[in-house]
Amino acid sequence: MASSMLIGILITFLVIILVLYLVQRLPLDARMRQIAQIIVIIIGIISLLKYLAVF
């Protein structure tokens, strides 16, 4: 059980990193890119908290 939770957390973390990288490569202005990065980080934190059974 602990290893599956750890694998889920690791996969979620890697997906967050990948999406942040892809957002950085989008041809957007700096303000829109920053807003997109903040949204991705908030969604990532919420999904990590779900794995830790906070929600």
Protein backbone atom coordinates (compact mmCIF):
# COMPACT_ATOMS: atom_id res chain seq x y z
CA MET A 1 0.00 0.00 0.00
CA ALA A 2 2.76 2.45 0.88
CA SER A 3 4.68 1.69 -2.31
CA SER A 4 1.63 2.28 -4.51
CA MET A 5 1.02 5.60 -2.77
CA LEU A 6 4.67 6.54 -3.28
CA ILE A 7 4.51 5.61 -6.96
CA GLY A 8 1.33 7.67 -7.38
CA ILE A 9 2.96 10.68 -5.75
CA LEU A 10 6.04 10.30 -7.93
CA ILE A 11 4.01 10.03 -11.13
CA THR A 12 1.93 13.07 -10.16
CA PHE A 13 5.08 15.06 -9.43
CA LEU A 14 6.60 14.10 -12.78
CA VAL A 15 3.41 15.04 -14.64
CA ILE A 16 3.42 18.44 -12.93
CA ILE A 17 7.04 19.01 -13.98
CA LEU A 18 6.25 17.96 -17.56
CA VAL A 19 3.20 20.23 -17.82
CA LEU A 20 5.14 23.18 -16.39
CA TYR A 21 7.85 22.57 -18.99
CA LEU A 22 5.29 22.45 -21.78
CA VAL A 23 3.58 25.63 -20.56
CA GLN A 24 6.98 27.33 -20.59
CA ARG A 25 7.40 26.39 -24.27
CA LEU A 26 4.02 27.84 -25.33
CA PRO A 27 4.13 31.04 -27.40
CA LEU A 28 2.27 33.15 -24.83
CA ASP A 29 3.09 36.49 -23.32
CA ALA A 30 4.73 36.46 -19.90
CA ARG A 31 1.58 37.30 -17.93
CA MET A 32 -0.51 34.49 -19.45
CA ARG A 33 2.36 32.02 -19.03
CA GLN A 34 2.63 32.95 -15.34
CA ILE A 35 -1.11 32.51 -14.83
CA ALA A 36 -0.99 29.09 -16.52
CA GLN A 37 1.94 28.03 -14.34
CA ILE A 38 0.12 29.09 -11.17
CA ILE A 39 -2.97 27.12 -12.22
CA VAL A 40 -0.87 24.01 -12.93
CA ILE A 41 0.89 24.31 -9.56
CA ILE A 42 -2.40 24.69 -7.67
CA ILE A 43 -3.93 21.68 -9.42
CA GLY A 44 -0.76 19.69 -8.74
CA ILE A 45 -0.76 20.55 -5.04
CA ILE A 46 -4.42 19.56 -4.74
CA SER A 47 -3.80 16.22 -6.44
CA LEU A 48 -0.76 15.55 -4.23
CA LEU A 49 -2.85 16.31 -1.15
CA LYS A 50 -5.41 13.77 -2.35
CA TYR A 51 -2.69 11.12 -2.39
CA LEU A 52 -1.77 12.05 1.17
CA ALA A 53 -5.45 11.61 2.16
CA VAL A 54 -5.94 15.21 3.24
CA PHE A 55 -9.04 15.55 1.06
